[in-house]
Amino acid sequence: MESHPFRVLAALLVSSAGFCPAVSHAYALDAQFDCQARPHTFITQLIDDNYIESKPMRVDKNSVNAFRPVHGSDMTVFGFRVYAVLGYEPDDDMFKKGRGQALAGPLYGVVLSAPSESVETRVRAAGSTAKVHSVIPLLLTALICTD
């Protein structure tokens, strides 16, 4: 008896359907990059919804706090995966102080796994006023909202 490759493939697909994970959708943070949110609100919601760790993984000299995504969380901004979430607001106990001069105003943002040119194109197409900064050329880009 001759085996038909399409029948074999179809049988494999049907029999393995139960072993495939359900398609999941990333939590898109695009709307928050209209730059109208407050850092406290932005960070608190992500902590409360269990998307980021409650304690920062790093605090820069200028008091910008970097929060690590919770293992298994999947966040995107304009289609790019979020590597870290950033935030700082003066006189807010949520944010740890750095060893240097703190920023004068509030800031929130993300570090994305994408080259800055690609991020810039999508940010401007969306009409966002967020600032785009290359962190590691061709690999990581910061997207920042400030007053």
C-alpha atoms as a PDB file:
ATOM      1  CA  MET A   1       0.000   0.000   0.000  1.00  0.00           C
ATOM      2  CA  GLU A   2       1.366   3.379  -1.041  1.00  0.00           C
ATOM      3  CA  SER A   3       1.488   6.192   1.518  1.00  0.00           C
ATOM      4  CA  HIS A   4       0.372   9.633   0.440  1.00  0.00           C
ATOM      5  CA  PRO A   5       2.499  12.396   1.994  1.00  0.00           C
ATOM      6  CA  PHE A   6      -0.458  14.755   2.421  1.00  0.00           C
ATOM      7  CA  ARG A   7      -2.505  12.132   4.246  1.00  0.00           C
ATOM      8  CA  VAL A   8       0.404  11.381   6.577  1.00  0.00           C
ATOM      9  CA  LEU A   9       0.927  15.097   7.227  1.00  0.00           C
ATOM     10  CA  ALA A  10      -2.798  15.634   7.842  1.00  0.00           C
ATOM     11  CA  ALA A  11      -2.901  12.686  10.260  1.00  0.00           C
ATOM     12  CA  LEU A  12       0.106  14.040  12.156  1.00  0.00           C
ATOM     13  CA  LEU A  13      -1.420  17.502  12.398  1.00  0.00           C
ATOM     14  CA  VAL A  14      -4.788  16.212  13.598  1.00  0.00           C
ATOM     15  CA  SER A  15      -3.261  13.820  16.131  1.00  0.00           C
ATOM     16  CA  SER A  16      -0.895  16.431  17.572  1.00  0.00           C
ATOM     17  CA  ALA A  17      -3.440  19.264  17.795  1.00  0.00           C
ATOM     18  CA  GLY A  18      -4.018  18.633  21.489  1.00  0.00           C
ATOM     19  CA  PHE A  19      -0.314  19.033  22.240  1.00  0.00           C
ATOM     20  CA  CYS A  20       0.020  22.498  20.738  1.00  0.00           C
ATOM     21  CA  PRO A  21      -0.235  25.418  23.111  1.00  0.00           C
ATOM     22  CA  ALA A  22      -3.173  27.735  22.634  1.00  0.00           C
ATOM     23  CA  VAL A  23      -2.409  30.807  20.644  1.00  0.00           C
ATOM     24  CA  SER A  24      -1.742  33.613  23.083  1.00  0.00           C
ATOM     25  CA  HIS A  25      -1.920  37.298  22.510  1.00  0.00           C
ATOM     26  CA  ALA A  26       0.566  39.753  23.897  1.00  0.00           C
ATOM     27  CA  TYR A  27      -0.571  42.563  26.143  1.00  0.00           C
ATOM     28  CA  ALA A  28      -0.184  45.587  23.862  1.00  0.00           C
ATOM     29  CA  LEU A  29       0.842  48.785  25.642  1.00  0.00           C
ATOM     30  CA  ASP A  30       0.422  50.961  22.538  1.00  0.00           C
ATOM     31  CA  ALA A  31      -2.336  53.152  24.019  1.00  0.00           C
ATOM     32  CA  GLN A  32      -0.154  54.170  26.976  1.00  0.00           C
ATOM     33  CA  PHE A  33       2.335  55.693  24.564  1.00  0.00           C
ATOM     34  CA  ASP A  34       0.079  58.620  23.844  1.00  0.00           C
ATOM     35  CA  CYS A  35       2.285  59.935  26.697  1.00  0.00           C
ATOM     36  CA  GLN A  36      -0.684  61.104  28.786  1.00  0.00           C
ATOM     37  CA  ALA A  37      -0.274  58.647  31.698  1.00  0.00           C
ATOM     38  CA  ARG A  38       1.542  59.271  34.977  1.00  0.00           C
ATOM     39  CA  PRO A  39       4.492  56.972  35.742  1.00  0.00           C
ATOM     40  CA  HIS A  40       2.920  55.851  39.022  1.00  0.00           C
ATOM     41  CA  THR A  41      -0.293  54.778  37.275  1.00  0.00           C
ATOM     42  CA  PHE A  42       1.545  53.115  34.381  1.00  0.00           C
ATOM     43  CA  ILE A  43       3.841  51.064  36.653  1.00  0.00           C
ATOM     44  CA  THR A  44       1.165  50.250  39.255  1.00  0.00           C
ATOM     45  CA  GLN A  45      -1.172  48.774  36.649  1.00  0.00           C
ATOM     46  CA  LEU A  46       1.573  46.537  35.256  1.00  0.00           C
ATOM     47  CA  ILE A  47       2.509  45.346  38.768  1.00  0.00           C
ATOM     48  CA  ASP A  48      -1.136  44.772  39.758  1.00  0.00           C
ATOM     49  CA  ASP A  49      -1.805  42.829  36.545  1.00  0.00           C
ATOM     50  CA  ASN A  50       1.345  40.738  37.204  1.00  0.00           C
ATOM     51  CA  TYR A  51       3.201  41.815  34.066  1.00  0.00           C
ATOM     52  CA  ILE A  52       6.284  43.217  35.835  1.00  0.00           C
ATOM     53  CA  GLU A  53       8.119  42.550  39.093  1.00  0.00           C
ATOM     54  CA  SER A  54       7.204  44.912  41.934  1.00  0.00           C
ATOM     55  CA  LYS A  55      10.830  45.686  42.800  1.00  0.00           C
ATOM     56  CA  PRO A  56      13.076  47.312  40.200  1.00  0.00           C
ATOM     57  CA  MET A  57      15.908  45.201  38.806  1.00  0.00           C
ATOM     58  CA  ARG A  58      18.015  48.346  38.428  1.00  0.00           C
ATOM     59  CA  VAL A  59      17.965  51.943  39.608  1.00  0.00           C
ATOM     60  CA  ASP A  60      20.077  54.372  37.579  1.00  0.00           C
ATOM     61  CA  LYS A  61      21.964  57.279  39.131  1.00  0.00           C
ATOM     62  CA  ASN A  62      19.239  59.615  37.850  1.00  0.00           C
ATOM     63  CA  SER A  63      16.619  57.518  39.738  1.00  0.00           C
ATOM     64  CA  VAL A  64      15.060  55.901  36.668  1.00  0.00           C
ATOM     65  CA  ASN A  65      13.824  52.499  37.859  1.00  0.00           C
ATOM     66  CA  ALA A  66      13.933  49.529  35.473  1.00  0.00           C
ATOM     67  CA  PHE A  67      11.418  46.750  36.103  1.00  0.00           C
ATOM     68  CA  ARG A  68      11.776  43.212  34.798  1.00  0.00           C
ATOM     69  CA  PRO A  69       8.812  41.542  33.090  1.00  0.00           C
ATOM     70  CA  VAL A  70       7.405  38.628  35.108  1.00  0.00           C
ATOM     71  CA  HIS A  71       8.466  35.260  33.708  1.00  0.00           C
ATOM     72  CA  GLY A  72       5.947  34.246  31.073  1.00  0.00           C
ATOM     73  CA  SER A  73       4.429  37.691  30.630  1.00  0.00           C
ATOM     74  CA  ASP A  74       4.224  38.882  27.071  1.00  0.00           C
ATOM     75  CA  MET A  75       4.046  42.615  26.483  1.00  0.00           C
ATOM     76  CA  THR A  76       4.482  44.548  23.274  1.00  0.00           C
ATOM     77  CA  VAL A  77       4.545  48.148  22.159  1.00  0.00           C
ATOM     78  CA  PHE A  78       3.773  48.851  18.490  1.00  0.00           C
ATOM     79  CA  GLY A  79       4.425  45.174  17.775  1.00  0.00           C
ATOM     80  CA  PHE A  80       7.836  44.966  19.468  1.00  0.00           C
ATOM     81  CA  ARG A  81       8.534  42.770  22.514  1.00  0.00           C
ATOM     82  CA  VAL A  82       9.128  44.594  25.809  1.00  0.00           C
ATOM     83  CA  TYR A  83      12.495  43.806  27.382  1.00  0.00           C
ATOM     84  CA  ALA A  84      12.109  46.100  30.422  1.00  0.00           C
ATOM     85  CA  VAL A  85       9.742  48.763  31.780  1.00  0.00           C
ATOM     86  CA  LEU A  86      11.053  52.132  33.003  1.00  0.00           C
ATOM     87  CA  GLY A  87       9.608  54.676  35.378  1.00  0.00           C
ATOM     88  CA  TYR A  88      10.342  57.562  37.716  1.00  0.00           C
ATOM     89  CA  GLU A  89       8.256  60.246  39.339  1.00  0.00           C
ATOM     90  CA  PRO A  90       9.718  62.846  41.742  1.00  0.00           C
ATOM     91  CA  ASP A  91       8.531  62.616  45.346  1.00  0.00           C
ATOM     92  CA  ASP A  92       6.886  59.210  44.768  1.00  0.00           C
ATOM     93  CA  ASP A  93       7.902  56.495  47.228  1.00  0.00           C
ATOM     94  CA  MET A  94       7.151  53.808  44.648  1.00  0.00           C
ATOM     95  CA  PHE A  95      10.416  54.677  42.904  1.00  0.00           C
ATOM     96  CA  LYS A  96      13.772  54.033  44.545  1.00  0.00           C
ATOM     97  CA  LYS A  97      16.261  56.901  44.520  1.00  0.00           C
ATOM     98  CA  GLY A  98      19.531  56.644  42.639  1.00  0.00           C
ATOM     99  CA  ARG A  99      22.923  57.785  43.920  1.00  0.00           C
ATOM    100  CA  GLY A 100      23.115  60.793  41.637  1.00  0.00           C
ATOM    101  CA  GLN A 101      20.977  63.770  40.739  1.00  0.00           C
ATOM    102  CA  ALA A 102      17.383  62.642  40.176  1.00  0.00           C
ATOM    103  CA  LEU A 103      15.461  63.716  37.112  1.00  0.00           C
ATOM    104  CA  ALA A 104      13.470  66.907  37.590  1.00  0.00           C
ATOM    105  CA  GLY A 105      10.297  65.502  36.026  1.00  0.00           C
ATOM    106  CA  PRO A 106       8.374  62.271  35.566  1.00  0.00           C
ATOM    107  CA  LEU A 107       9.280  59.638  33.006  1.00  0.00           C
ATOM    108  CA  TYR A 108       7.938  56.271  31.925  1.00  0.00           C
ATOM    109  CA  GLY A 109       8.777  53.964  29.090  1.00  0.00           C
ATOM    110  CA  VAL A 110       9.989  50.619  27.884  1.00  0.00           C
ATOM    111  CA  VAL A 111      13.058  49.010  26.401  1.00  0.00           C
ATOM    112  CA  LEU A 112      12.129  47.129  23.244  1.00  0.00           C
ATOM    113  CA  SER A 113      13.861  44.278  21.431  1.00  0.00           C
ATOM    114  CA  ALA A 114      14.153  46.090  18.111  1.00  0.00           C
ATOM    115  CA  PRO A 115      16.384  48.492  16.190  1.00  0.00           C
ATOM    116  CA  SER A 116      15.656  52.187  16.776  1.00  0.00           C
ATOM    117  CA  GLU A 117      14.884  52.924  13.110  1.00  0.00           C
ATOM    118  CA  SER A 118      12.077  50.340  13.069  1.00  0.00           C
ATOM    119  CA  VAL A 119      10.687  51.613  16.371  1.00  0.00           C
ATOM    120  CA  GLU A 120      10.836  55.239  15.186  1.00  0.00           C
ATOM    121  CA  THR A 121       8.874  54.373  12.026  1.00  0.00           C
ATOM    122  CA  ARG A 122       6.044  52.660  13.943  1.00  0.00           C
ATOM    123  CA  VAL A 123       5.936  55.262  16.721  1.00  0.00           C
ATOM    124  CA  ARG A 124       5.527  58.135  14.256  1.00  0.00           C
ATOM    125  CA  ALA A 125       2.980  56.185  12.176  1.00  0.00           C
ATOM    126  CA  ALA A 126       0.921  55.750  15.356  1.00  0.00           C
ATOM    127  CA  GLY A 127       1.091  59.494  16.074  1.00  0.00           C
ATOM    128  CA  SER A 128       2.926  59.014  19.375  1.00  0.00           C
ATOM    129  CA  THR A 129       5.118  61.786  20.773  1.00  0.00           C
ATOM    130  CA  ALA A 130       7.316  59.318  22.678  1.00  0.00           C
ATOM    131  CA  LYS A 131      11.076  59.747  22.324  1.00  0.00           C
ATOM    132  CA  VAL A 132      13.091  56.952  20.725  1.00  0.00           C
ATOM    133  CA  HIS A 133      16.637  56.244  21.991  1.00  0.00           C
ATOM    134  CA  SER A 134      19.009  53.524  20.797  1.00  0.00           C
ATOM    135  CA  VAL A 135      20.282  51.500  23.775  1.00  0.00           C
ATOM    136  CA  ILE A 136      22.247  48.819  21.920  1.00  0.00           C
ATOM    137  CA  PRO A 137      22.332  49.476  18.164  1.00  0.00           C
ATOM    138  CA  LEU A 138      20.210  47.018  16.150  1.00  0.00           C
ATOM    139  CA  LEU A 139      19.137  45.178  19.345  1.00  0.00           C
ATOM    140  CA  LEU A 140      17.506  47.320  22.052  1.00  0.00           C
ATOM    141  CA  THR A 141      15.657  50.637  21.876  1.00  0.00           C
ATOM    142  CA  ALA A 142      14.161  52.749  24.652  1.00  0.00           C
ATOM    143  CA  LEU A 143      10.783  54.396  24.094  1.00  0.00           C
ATOM    144  CA  ILE A 144      10.251  57.203  26.634  1.00  0.00           C
ATOM    145  CA  CYS A 145       7.398  59.509  27.619  1.00  0.00           C
ATOM    146  CA  THR A 146       8.206  62.649  29.616  1.00  0.00           C
ATOM    147  CA  ASP A 147       6.403  65.873  30.519  1.00  0.00           C
END
